[in-house]
Amino acid sequence: MKQYLKFSSESKLGIGTQYVELDSEGWAVRQVERYGSRLFNSQQINHPEIGGIALCDQQFLESHIESDCIISVEEFESIWKFSLLQTVKS
């Protein structure tokens, strides 16, 4: 079963928010990072502005996922679609 997470993160751009879609084994499938009005998604392979790769390369273990980080599929899809629109505009 897929899960959707939202949590704080830090990069070269400062403090931001990550939105991650996980597969049934806890691996990231899609990801969006937001720093102010700037959005970065995993459709692009590399983002030097935020320090490298665009997709988490570590498995999320169920026992380490806090319940307040879990979001709905609708919330994830909303930010994902918005990030795709921003990529097209750039």
C-alpha atoms as a PDB file:
ATOM      1  CA  MET A   1       0.000   0.000   0.000  1.00  0.00           C
ATOM      2  CA  LYS A   2       1.345   3.401  -0.942  1.00  0.00           C
ATOM      3  CA  GLN A   3       1.925   6.077   1.685  1.00  0.00           C
ATOM      4  CA  TYR A   4       2.296   9.819   1.354  1.00  0.00           C
ATOM      5  CA  LEU A   5       4.470  11.894   3.678  1.00  0.00           C
ATOM      6  CA  LYS A   6       5.148  15.553   4.375  1.00  0.00           C
ATOM      7  CA  PHE A   7       8.032  16.684   6.567  1.00  0.00           C
ATOM      8  CA  SER A   8      10.582  19.463   7.059  1.00  0.00           C
ATOM      9  CA  SER A   9      13.942  19.305   5.343  1.00  0.00           C
ATOM     10  CA  GLU A  10      17.012  21.441   4.914  1.00  0.00           C
ATOM     11  CA  SER A  11      19.114  22.160   1.837  1.00  0.00           C
ATOM     12  CA  LYS A  12      21.415  24.837   0.438  1.00  0.00           C
ATOM     13  CA  LEU A  13      18.245  26.960   0.083  1.00  0.00           C
ATOM     14  CA  GLY A  14      17.384  26.704   3.779  1.00  0.00           C
ATOM     15  CA  ILE A  15      14.475  25.046   5.554  1.00  0.00           C
ATOM     16  CA  GLY A  16      11.802  23.587   3.326  1.00  0.00           C
ATOM     17  CA  THR A  17       9.172  20.877   3.076  1.00  0.00           C
ATOM     18  CA  GLN A  18       9.392  17.491   1.392  1.00  0.00           C
ATOM     19  CA  TYR A  19       6.399  15.619   0.024  1.00  0.00           C
ATOM     20  CA  VAL A  20       7.107  11.959  -0.728  1.00  0.00           C
ATOM     21  CA  GLU A  21       5.117   9.121  -2.263  1.00  0.00           C
ATOM     22  CA  LEU A  22       6.286   5.716  -0.988  1.00  0.00           C
ATOM     23  CA  ASP A  23       5.680   2.333  -2.545  1.00  0.00           C
ATOM     24  CA  SER A  24       4.517  -0.650  -0.466  1.00  0.00           C
ATOM     25  CA  GLU A  25       8.103  -1.406   0.590  1.00  0.00           C
ATOM     26  CA  GLY A  26       8.886   2.134   1.771  1.00  0.00           C
ATOM     27  CA  TRP A  27      10.913   3.355  -1.230  1.00  0.00           C
ATOM     28  CA  ALA A  28      10.323   6.832  -2.621  1.00  0.00           C
ATOM     29  CA  VAL A  29       8.541   6.813  -5.971  1.00  0.00           C
ATOM     30  CA  ARG A  30       7.864  10.539  -6.427  1.00  0.00           C
ATOM     31  CA  GLN A  31       9.020  13.522  -4.425  1.00  0.00           C
ATOM     32  CA  VAL A  32       8.570  17.285  -4.293  1.00  0.00           C
ATOM     33  CA  GLU A  33      10.668  19.703  -2.271  1.00  0.00           C
ATOM     34  CA  ARG A  34       9.433  23.215  -1.567  1.00  0.00           C
ATOM     35  CA  TYR A  35      11.617  26.124  -0.435  1.00  0.00           C
ATOM     36  CA  GLY A  36       9.539  29.274  -0.276  1.00  0.00           C
ATOM     37  CA  SER A  37       8.026  29.672  -3.729  1.00  0.00           C
ATOM     38  CA  ARG A  38      10.562  27.324  -5.377  1.00  0.00           C
ATOM     39  CA  LEU A  39       9.519  23.750  -6.145  1.00  0.00           C
ATOM     40  CA  PHE A  40      11.711  20.830  -7.191  1.00  0.00           C
ATOM     41  CA  ASN A  41      10.336  17.434  -8.205  1.00  0.00           C
ATOM     42  CA  SER A  42      11.771  14.014  -8.868  1.00  0.00           C
ATOM     43  CA  GLN A  43      10.778  14.089 -12.519  1.00  0.00           C
ATOM     44  CA  GLN A  44      14.103  15.877 -12.974  1.00  0.00           C
ATOM     45  CA  ILE A  45      17.072  13.671 -12.091  1.00  0.00           C
ATOM     46  CA  ASN A  46      19.367  16.249 -10.484  1.00  0.00           C
ATOM     47  CA  HIS A  47      18.870  19.546  -8.674  1.00  0.00           C
ATOM     48  CA  PRO A  48      22.228  21.205  -7.872  1.00  0.00           C
ATOM     49  CA  GLU A  49      20.365  24.065  -6.145  1.00  0.00           C
ATOM     50  CA  ILE A  50      19.237  21.763  -3.334  1.00  0.00           C
ATOM     51  CA  GLY A  51      22.320  19.600  -3.133  1.00  0.00           C
ATOM     52  CA  GLY A  52      21.940  16.786  -5.620  1.00  0.00           C
ATOM     53  CA  ILE A  53      19.543  14.018  -6.493  1.00  0.00           C
ATOM     54  CA  ALA A  54      15.821  14.598  -6.620  1.00  0.00           C
ATOM     55  CA  LEU A  55      14.590  11.358  -5.043  1.00  0.00           C
ATOM     56  CA  CYS A  56      15.305   9.907  -1.602  1.00  0.00           C
ATOM     57  CA  ASP A  57      17.705   7.007  -1.927  1.00  0.00           C
ATOM     58  CA  GLN A  58      16.940   5.427   1.435  1.00  0.00           C
ATOM     59  CA  GLN A  59      14.051   3.188   2.407  1.00  0.00           C
ATOM     60  CA  PHE A  60      11.508   4.599   4.855  1.00  0.00           C
ATOM     61  CA  LEU A  61      10.837   2.026   7.558  1.00  0.00           C
ATOM     62  CA  GLU A  62       7.245   1.827   8.800  1.00  0.00           C
ATOM     63  CA  SER A  63       8.434   1.905  12.405  1.00  0.00           C
ATOM     64  CA  HIS A  64      10.177   5.255  11.830  1.00  0.00           C
ATOM     65  CA  ILE A  65       7.305   7.093  10.147  1.00  0.00           C
ATOM     66  CA  GLU A  66       5.547   9.472  12.529  1.00  0.00           C
ATOM     67  CA  SER A  67       1.771   9.684  12.163  1.00  0.00           C
ATOM     68  CA  ASP A  68       1.820  13.497  11.883  1.00  0.00           C
ATOM     69  CA  CYS A  69       3.917  13.168   8.708  1.00  0.00           C
ATOM     70  CA  ILE A  70       1.292  11.107   6.857  1.00  0.00           C
ATOM     71  CA  ILE A  71      -0.804  13.060   4.351  1.00  0.00           C
ATOM     72  CA  SER A  72      -3.597  12.141   1.947  1.00  0.00           C
ATOM     73  CA  VAL A  73      -3.074  11.097  -1.647  1.00  0.00           C
ATOM     74  CA  GLU A  74      -5.055  14.201  -2.620  1.00  0.00           C
ATOM     75  CA  GLU A  75      -2.656  16.533  -0.800  1.00  0.00           C
ATOM     76  CA  PHE A  76       0.334  14.854  -2.444  1.00  0.00           C
ATOM     77  CA  GLU A  77      -1.231  14.898  -5.926  1.00  0.00           C
ATOM     78  CA  SER A  78      -2.076  18.578  -5.537  1.00  0.00           C
ATOM     79  CA  ILE A  79       1.529  19.604  -4.790  1.00  0.00           C
ATOM     80  CA  TRP A  80       2.858  17.167  -7.419  1.00  0.00           C
ATOM     81  CA  LYS A  81       0.679  18.659 -10.164  1.00  0.00           C
ATOM     82  CA  PHE A  82       1.547  22.188  -9.046  1.00  0.00           C
ATOM     83  CA  SER A  83       5.274  21.349  -9.179  1.00  0.00           C
ATOM     84  CA  LEU A  84       4.883  20.005 -12.732  1.00  0.00           C
ATOM     85  CA  LEU A  85       3.231  23.263 -13.804  1.00  0.00           C
ATOM     86  CA  GLN A  86       6.071  25.258 -12.253  1.00  0.00           C
ATOM     87  CA  THR A  87       8.625  23.116 -14.115  1.00  0.00           C
ATOM     88  CA  VAL A  88       6.876  23.807 -17.419  1.00  0.00           C
ATOM     89  CA  LYS A  89       6.914  27.588 -16.742  1.00  0.00           C
ATOM     90  CA  SER A  90      10.653  27.636 -15.979  1.00  0.00           C
END
